[in-house]
Amino acid sequence: MSTETIFFIGFLAFNALMLALDLGIFNKKDHAVSFREAAVMSLIWVSCSLAFYAFLTIKGELIHGITNFEQLQEAVVAHKHNIQLIAGDFAASLEVYRKNLALEYISGYLVEYALSVDNIFVMVMIFTAFGVDKKYYHRVLFWGILGAVIMRFVFIFLGAALINQFDWILYVFGVFLVYTGFMMYVNRNQEESIDPENHKVVKLASRFFAVHPRYEGNNFFVRIDGKRMVTPLFLVLLVIEFTDVIFAVDSIPAIFAVTRDPYIVFFSNIFAILGLRSMFFLLVNILYKFHYLKVGLSFLLVFIGLKMLAHHYLESWGFTTAHSLYVIIGILVVSVAASLLFPVKNVQVPEGNKEPGNTREDKEV
């Protein structure tokens, strides 16, 4: 078994343990997650992410089992790291590699985390449109994120294989990201809505499953008169999963603009989406205040797309991973600061961000 495989299995085992503790200890009973709980869980996930960043700066070579200068050269060439090794000095070259690997990871993490905020807007609309009781949000998001981890694994390593085989795909990704960022800016003020009865996922699921018309507590499945049926809560889970697939089409190519190492792409991606669930509960009631964030995300996608299209020129001009990180942080800081400094007056709070009483569990879908 290769070093990469061992490290990969260990990474998944650690995160599986964290999720098991979250579901089995901290959330044994269904309840509406409080701001304090969300803050604690967000702090834990962010701390784990930063701890992994620190690990990469100290022992990043362990991911690929690098033990000598030749292996280090092979890794740099294979994953097209934009660094210069110091001939004859393995220790110094390893230090350069570690720092660059850590910067690629934290840049990818910030990109995915930022783009995930837009996903939260959609999640709020989904829960509101389907009339999901707040105490079941955590259960749906938990299983939704497990599905997202599996799908991201497939997308990332398939994408890495395609890029290695066909380098021109990077330009396709670049054009797509520029277009997506431009359309996000154009449609930034457009009202979005979800029709539960006519949603494509609901219609497709109804062809293959018998759908029970009412919620049955936190159950995804129910047996009625001996017949196994899916509940509306299961349909909500499917819609959440479908939404993540749509967002992955943007976010995964975006991270490949930061690093071509599929393991770093995966690690940064997974840490970000695992933290998304706690971030959802942390931001759900204040997200509407960051009205310039979507503008910032649109500029972020355009920047990343242009970086993909011009990566050969940028590398020759000395544009490094650190420079990309500075631009990413700058865009996010400016968009958040602008939202706080120039608040929109008389803004209508989205329905999902209000604090009404719980919705009725017998609501039909």
Protein backbone atom coordinates (compact mmCIF):
# COMPACT_ATOMS: atom_id res chain seq x y z
CA MET A 1 0.00 0.00 0.00
CA SER A 2 1.42 3.40 -1.04
CA THR A 3 2.09 6.26 1.37
CA GLU A 4 -0.56 8.34 -0.39
CA THR A 5 -3.20 5.65 0.14
CA ILE A 6 -2.32 5.24 3.82
CA PHE A 7 -2.45 8.99 4.38
CA PHE A 8 -5.73 9.25 2.46
CA ILE A 9 -7.36 6.48 4.52
CA GLY A 10 -6.12 8.09 7.74
CA PHE A 11 -7.59 11.45 6.68
CA LEU A 12 -10.99 9.89 5.95
CA ALA A 13 -10.90 7.92 9.22
CA PHE A 14 -10.22 11.10 11.23
CA ASN A 15 -13.10 12.97 9.62
CA ALA A 16 -15.42 9.98 9.99
CA LEU A 17 -14.59 9.92 13.72
CA MET A 18 -15.32 13.65 14.01
CA LEU A 19 -18.67 13.26 12.26
CA ALA A 20 -19.57 10.24 14.41
CA LEU A 21 -18.83 12.26 17.56
CA ASP A 22 -20.91 15.12 16.21
CA LEU A 23 -23.94 12.96 15.43
CA GLY A 24 -23.64 10.45 18.27
CA ILE A 25 -22.60 12.68 21.17
CA PHE A 26 -23.40 16.32 20.46
CA ASN A 27 -26.62 15.76 18.50
CA LYS A 28 -28.28 12.65 19.91
CA LYS A 29 -31.67 14.35 19.90
CA ASP A 30 -33.21 16.41 17.15
CA HIS A 31 -33.22 20.07 18.08
CA ALA A 32 -32.83 23.49 16.53
CA VAL A 33 -29.09 24.20 16.60
CA SER A 34 -28.35 27.35 18.59
CA PHE A 35 -25.92 30.08 17.59
CA ARG A 36 -23.61 29.05 20.45
CA GLU A 37 -23.53 25.40 19.33
CA ALA A 38 -22.87 26.46 15.75
CA ALA A 39 -20.06 28.77 16.89
CA VAL A 40 -18.41 25.96 18.88
CA MET A 41 -18.62 23.47 16.00
CA SER A 42 -17.39 26.08 13.51
CA LEU A 43 -14.43 26.81 15.78
CA ILE A 44 -13.63 23.09 16.00
CA TRP A 45 -13.73 22.57 12.22
CA VAL A 46 -11.75 25.72 11.46
CA SER A 47 -9.18 24.68 14.09
CA CYS A 48 -8.85 21.25 12.46
CA SER A 49 -8.40 22.91 9.06
CA LEU A 50 -5.72 25.26 10.38
CA ALA A 51 -4.01 22.38 12.19
CA PHE A 52 -3.78 20.57 8.85
CA TYR A 53 -2.26 23.73 7.34
CA ALA A 54 0.34 23.72 10.12
CA PHE A 55 1.02 20.02 9.48
CA LEU A 56 1.69 20.72 5.80
CA THR A 57 4.21 23.44 6.67
CA ILE A 58 6.07 21.00 8.92
CA LYS A 59 5.66 17.57 7.28
CA GLY A 60 3.84 18.11 4.00
CA GLU A 61 6.12 15.70 2.15
CA LEU A 62 4.55 12.77 4.03
CA ILE A 63 1.46 12.92 1.79
CA HIS A 64 3.45 11.66 -1.20
CA GLY A 65 6.12 9.83 0.79
CA ILE A 66 8.98 12.08 -0.38
CA THR A 67 12.32 11.06 1.13
CA ASN A 68 14.93 12.34 -1.35
CA PHE A 69 15.60 15.11 -3.88
CA GLU A 70 14.66 12.97 -6.91
CA GLN A 71 11.22 12.16 -5.47
CA LEU A 72 10.73 15.83 -4.64
CA GLN A 73 11.53 16.82 -8.23
CA GLU A 74 9.08 14.23 -9.55
CA ALA A 75 6.30 15.53 -7.27
CA VAL A 76 6.89 19.15 -8.30
CA VAL A 77 6.81 18.25 -12.00
CA ALA A 78 3.84 15.88 -11.70
CA HIS A 79 1.66 18.40 -9.85
CA LYS A 80 3.10 21.47 -11.62
CA HIS A 81 3.94 23.39 -8.45
CA ASN A 82 5.09 26.92 -9.28
CA ILE A 83 8.33 26.77 -7.24
CA GLN A 84 12.07 26.64 -7.84
CA LEU A 85 14.01 23.88 -6.08
CA ILE A 86 17.56 24.48 -4.87
CA ALA A 87 19.83 22.02 -6.63
CA GLY A 88 21.94 19.98 -4.25
CA ASP A 89 20.11 21.19 -1.15
CA PHE A 90 17.31 18.77 -0.32
CA ALA A 91 16.51 20.32 3.08
CA ALA A 92 16.09 23.85 1.72
CA SER A 93 14.10 22.61 -1.30
CA LEU A 94 11.84 20.61 1.00
CA GLU A 95 11.16 23.73 3.03
CA VAL A 96 10.12 25.60 -0.13
CA TYR A 97 7.87 22.69 -1.15
CA ARG A 98 6.21 22.49 2.26
CA LYS A 99 5.41 26.20 2.38
CA ASN A 100 4.01 26.18 -1.14
CA LEU A 101 1.91 23.07 -0.45
CA ALA A 102 0.46 24.72 2.66
CA LEU A 103 -0.32 27.92 0.73
CA GLU A 104 -2.06 25.92 -2.01
CA TYR A 105 -4.12 24.12 0.61
CA ILE A 106 -5.22 27.23 2.52
CA SER A 107 -5.99 29.07 -0.74
CA GLY A 108 -8.16 26.20 -1.95
CA TYR A 109 -9.83 26.01 1.45
CA LEU A 110 -10.71 29.71 1.41
CA VAL A 111 -12.05 29.50 -2.16
CA GLU A 112 -14.28 26.53 -1.35
CA TYR A 113 -15.43 28.01 1.96
CA ALA A 114 -16.30 31.32 0.28
CA LEU A 115 -18.20 29.69 -2.56
CA SER A 116 -20.04 27.53 0.00
CA VAL A 117 -21.61 30.67 1.44
CA ASP A 118 -23.62 31.03 -1.76
CA ASN A 119 -24.75 27.45 -1.24
CA ILE A 120 -26.16 28.45 2.14
CA PHE A 121 -28.55 30.91 0.46
CA VAL A 122 -29.97 28.04 -1.59
CA MET A 123 -30.17 25.69 1.41
CA VAL A 124 -32.24 28.26 3.29
CA MET A 125 -34.64 28.49 0.34
CA ILE A 126 -34.91 24.70 0.12
CA PHE A 127 -35.72 24.24 3.80
CA THR A 128 -38.21 27.10 3.70
CA ALA A 129 -39.92 25.98 0.49
CA PHE A 130 -40.35 22.43 1.77
CA GLY A 131 -41.47 23.59 5.22
CA VAL A 132 -38.82 21.58 7.09
CA ASP A 133 -38.89 21.87 10.87
CA LYS A 134 -35.72 23.58 12.12
CA LYS A 135 -34.90 20.73 14.48
CA TYR A 136 -34.38 18.45 11.45
CA TYR A 137 -31.99 20.77 9.61
CA HIS A 138 -28.96 19.17 11.24
CA ARG A 139 -29.98 15.63 10.27
CA VAL A 140 -30.54 16.54 6.62
CA LEU A 141 -27.28 18.49 6.38
CA PHE A 142 -25.33 15.71 8.10
CA TRP A 143 -26.34 13.05 5.57
CA GLY A 144 -26.18 15.56 2.75
CA ILE A 145 -22.57 16.35 3.51
CA LEU A 146 -21.66 12.65 3.69
CA GLY A 147 -23.03 12.29 0.17
CA ALA A 148 -21.11 15.41 -0.87
CA VAL A 149 -17.82 13.90 0.37
CA ILE A 150 -18.33 10.84 -1.84
CA MET A 151 -19.27 12.92 -4.88
CA ARG A 152 -16.35 15.31 -4.38
CA PHE A 153 -13.97 12.35 -4.26
CA VAL A 154 -15.22 11.16 -7.65
CA PHE A 155 -15.25 14.63 -9.23
CA ILE A 156 -11.81 15.66 -7.96
CA PHE A 157 -9.83 12.58 -8.93
CA LEU A 158 -11.68 12.25 -12.23
CA GLY A 159 -10.95 15.92 -12.92
CA ALA A 160 -7.28 15.46 -12.02
CA ALA A 161 -7.02 12.49 -14.38
CA LEU A 162 -8.60 14.47 -17.22
CA ILE A 163 -6.32 17.48 -16.66
CA ASN A 164 -3.22 15.26 -16.66
CA GLN A 165 -4.40 13.60 -19.86
CA PHE A 166 -5.73 16.71 -21.61
CA ASP A 167 -4.04 19.89 -20.40
CA TRP A 168 -6.34 22.06 -22.58
CA ILE A 169 -9.25 21.28 -20.21
CA LEU A 170 -7.84 23.96 -17.91
CA TYR A 171 -8.75 26.56 -20.54
CA VAL A 172 -12.28 25.16 -20.75
CA PHE A 173 -12.55 25.45 -16.96
CA GLY A 174 -11.20 28.99 -17.14
CA VAL A 175 -13.77 30.14 -19.71
CA PHE A 176 -16.54 28.46 -17.74
CA LEU A 177 -15.53 30.17 -14.47
CA VAL A 178 -15.29 33.60 -16.11
CA TYR A 179 -18.74 33.11 -17.62
CA THR A 180 -20.17 31.84 -14.31
CA GLY A 181 -18.71 34.79 -12.40
CA PHE A 182 -20.06 37.25 -14.97
CA MET A 183 -23.56 35.74 -14.84
CA MET A 184 -23.47 35.69 -11.03
CA TYR A 185 -22.78 39.43 -11.08
CA VAL A 186 -25.50 40.12 -13.67
CA ASN A 187 -28.08 38.12 -11.71
CA ARG A 188 -26.93 39.24 -8.25
CA ASN A 189 -30.22 41.01 -7.45
CA GLN A 190 -32.50 38.48 -9.09
CA GLU A 191 -35.11 36.93 -6.82
CA GLU A 192 -34.78 33.14 -6.58
CA SER A 193 -37.49 30.73 -5.59
CA ILE A 194 -38.05 26.99 -5.33
CA ASP A 195 -41.27 25.19 -6.23
CA PRO A 196 -41.29 21.89 -4.27
CA GLU A 197 -43.96 20.22 -6.36
CA ASN A 198 -42.38 21.04 -9.73
CA HIS A 199 -38.70 20.66 -8.79
CA LYS A 200 -36.89 18.38 -11.25
CA VAL A 201 -35.41 16.22 -8.48
CA VAL A 202 -38.82 15.74 -6.84
CA LYS A 203 -40.41 14.75 -10.14
CA LEU A 204 -37.59 12.31 -10.94
CA ALA A 205 -37.66 10.75 -7.47
CA SER A 206 -41.44 10.34 -7.69
CA ARG A 207 -40.95 8.07 -10.73
CA PHE A 208 -38.78 5.63 -8.80
CA PHE A 209 -40.08 5.90 -5.23
CA ALA A 210 -43.47 5.81 -3.58
CA VAL A 211 -43.67 9.18 -1.81
CA HIS A 212 -45.50 9.58 1.47
CA PRO A 213 -47.34 12.95 1.43
CA ARG A 214 -46.49 13.97 5.01
CA TYR A 215 -43.44 14.35 7.23
CA GLU A 216 -42.91 11.54 9.73
CA GLY A 217 -40.58 13.07 12.31
CA ASN A 218 -36.93 12.71 11.32
CA ASN A 219 -37.51 9.61 9.17
CA PHE A 220 -36.39 9.47 5.57
CA PHE A 221 -38.38 6.28 5.02
CA VAL A 222 -41.66 4.97 6.39
CA ARG A 223 -43.66 1.78 5.98
CA ILE A 224 -47.39 2.25 5.39
CA ASP A 225 -49.63 -0.85 5.11
CA GLY A 226 -46.54 -2.94 4.45
CA LYS A 227 -45.32 -0.64 1.67
CA ARG A 228 -41.98 1.14 2.05
CA MET A 229 -42.19 4.83 1.10
CA VAL A 230 -39.88 7.83 1.15
CA THR A 231 -40.89 10.88 3.16
CA PRO A 232 -40.69 14.52 2.06
CA LEU A 233 -37.59 14.80 4.26
CA PHE A 234 -35.83 12.34 1.95
CA LEU A 235 -36.82 14.46 -1.04
CA VAL A 236 -35.28 17.47 0.70
CA LEU A 237 -32.06 15.47 1.16
CA LEU A 238 -32.02 14.62 -2.56
CA VAL A 239 -32.52 18.28 -3.49
CA ILE A 240 -29.65 19.28 -1.16
CA GLU A 241 -27.40 16.65 -2.80
CA PHE A 242 -28.37 17.85 -6.27
CA THR A 243 -27.62 21.43 -5.28
CA ASP A 244 -24.15 20.42 -4.07
CA VAL A 245 -23.43 18.76 -7.41
CA ILE A 246 -24.30 22.03 -9.17
CA PHE A 247 -22.02 24.02 -6.86
CA ALA A 248 -19.21 21.47 -7.22
CA VAL A 249 -19.15 22.25 -10.95
CA ASP A 250 -17.94 25.75 -10.00
CA SER A 251 -15.86 25.12 -6.91
CA ILE A 252 -13.77 22.12 -7.99
CA PRO A 253 -12.43 23.72 -11.20
CA ALA A 254 -11.77 26.86 -9.14
CA ILE A 255 -9.48 24.99 -6.76
CA PHE A 256 -7.63 23.35 -9.66
CA ALA A 257 -6.61 26.90 -10.58
CA VAL A 258 -4.83 27.08 -7.22
CA THR A 259 -3.23 23.62 -7.15
CA ARG A 260 -2.93 20.66 -9.50
CA ASP A 261 -2.26 18.21 -6.66
CA PRO A 262 -5.53 16.20 -6.39
CA TYR A 263 -4.84 15.30 -2.76
CA ILE A 264 -4.53 18.96 -1.76
CA VAL A 265 -7.67 19.74 -3.77
CA PHE A 266 -9.52 16.98 -1.93
CA PHE A 267 -8.25 17.83 1.55
CA SER A 268 -9.05 21.54 1.22
CA ASN A 269 -12.44 20.78 -0.34
CA ILE A 270 -13.50 18.29 2.31
CA PHE A 271 -12.45 20.43 5.26
CA ALA A 272 -14.47 23.30 3.78
CA ILE A 273 -17.68 21.35 3.15
CA LEU A 274 -17.47 19.60 6.54
CA GLY A 275 -17.38 23.05 8.11
CA LEU A 276 -20.27 24.18 5.90
CA ARG A 277 -22.90 22.56 8.13
CA SER A 278 -21.89 24.44 11.26
CA MET A 279 -21.36 27.61 9.21
CA PHE A 280 -24.95 27.27 7.97
CA PHE A 281 -26.32 27.48 11.50
CA LEU A 282 -23.87 30.24 12.37
CA LEU A 283 -24.79 32.50 9.44
CA VAL A 284 -28.39 31.57 8.64
CA ASN A 285 -29.85 34.48 10.62
CA ILE A 286 -27.35 37.14 9.54
CA LEU A 287 -26.42 36.07 6.02
CA TYR A 288 -28.76 38.58 4.41
CA LYS A 289 -26.62 41.40 5.89
CA PHE A 290 -23.70 40.51 3.59
CA HIS A 291 -25.41 41.84 0.48
CA TYR A 292 -22.16 42.53 -1.37
CA LEU A 293 -20.83 39.01 -0.82
CA LYS A 294 -22.33 37.67 -4.05
CA VAL A 295 -20.60 40.51 -5.91
CA GLY A 296 -17.33 39.48 -4.25
CA LEU A 297 -17.86 35.84 -5.20
CA SER A 298 -18.53 36.82 -8.81
CA PHE A 299 -15.22 38.74 -8.92
CA LEU A 300 -13.51 35.78 -7.24
CA LEU A 301 -14.73 33.36 -9.94
CA VAL A 302 -13.69 35.75 -12.72
CA PHE A 303 -10.22 36.17 -11.18
CA ILE A 304 -9.75 32.41 -10.85
CA GLY A 305 -11.01 31.84 -14.39
CA LEU A 306 -8.63 34.45 -15.82
CA LYS A 307 -5.79 32.94 -13.78
CA MET A 308 -6.52 29.57 -15.41
CA LEU A 309 -6.55 31.09 -18.88
CA ALA A 310 -3.29 33.00 -18.35
CA HIS A 311 -1.47 30.66 -15.98
CA HIS A 312 1.59 30.25 -18.26
CA TYR A 313 2.06 34.02 -18.55
CA LEU A 314 1.45 34.62 -14.84
CA GLU A 315 4.03 32.01 -13.86
CA SER A 316 6.60 33.55 -16.18
CA TRP A 317 5.90 36.95 -14.57
CA GLY A 318 6.53 35.53 -11.09
CA PHE A 319 2.89 35.36 -9.98
CA THR A 320 3.00 32.79 -7.17
CA THR A 321 0.54 30.91 -4.99
CA ALA A 322 1.04 33.53 -2.28
CA HIS A 323 -0.08 36.26 -4.69
CA SER A 324 -3.24 34.28 -5.48
CA LEU A 325 -3.93 33.95 -1.77
CA TYR A 326 -3.57 37.71 -1.25
CA VAL A 327 -6.04 38.43 -4.07
CA ILE A 328 -8.56 35.89 -2.73
CA ILE A 329 -8.38 37.30 0.80
CA GLY A 330 -8.57 40.85 -0.54
CA ILE A 331 -11.74 40.17 -2.55
CA LEU A 332 -13.47 38.50 0.41
CA VAL A 333 -12.44 41.18 2.93
CA VAL A 334 -13.58 44.03 0.67
CA SER A 335 -16.97 42.43 -0.07
CA VAL A 336 -17.68 41.73 3.62
CA ALA A 337 -16.41 45.16 4.75
CA ALA A 338 -18.49 46.92 2.09
CA SER A 339 -21.59 45.04 3.27
CA LEU A 340 -21.04 46.17 6.85
CA LEU A 341 -20.04 49.74 6.01
CA PHE A 342 -22.86 50.32 3.54
CA PRO A 343 -25.87 48.36 4.82
CA VAL A 344 -29.01 48.27 2.72
CA LYS A 345 -31.86 50.09 4.44
CA ASN A 346 -35.32 48.57 4.72
CA VAL A 347 -33.98 45.22 3.54
CA GLN A 348 -36.55 42.44 3.57
CA VAL A 349 -35.27 39.52 5.63
CA PRO A 350 -35.53 36.24 3.71
CA GLU A 351 -38.17 33.95 5.13
CA GLY A 352 -35.65 31.29 6.06
CA ASN A 353 -33.65 33.75 8.15
CA LYS A 354 -36.50 34.75 10.40
CA GLU A 355 -37.17 33.22 13.76
CA PRO A 356 -40.74 31.95 13.53
CA GLY A 357 -42.07 29.02 15.43
CA ASN A 358 -41.44 25.59 14.02
CA THR A 359 -43.36 24.58 10.93
CA ARG A 360 -46.02 21.93 11.20
CA GLU A 361 -44.73 18.40 10.80
CA ASP A 362 -47.93 17.31 9.06
CA LYS A 363 -47.36 19.72 6.18
CA GLU A 364 -47.97 18.01 2.85
CA VAL A 365 -45.52 18.14 -0.05
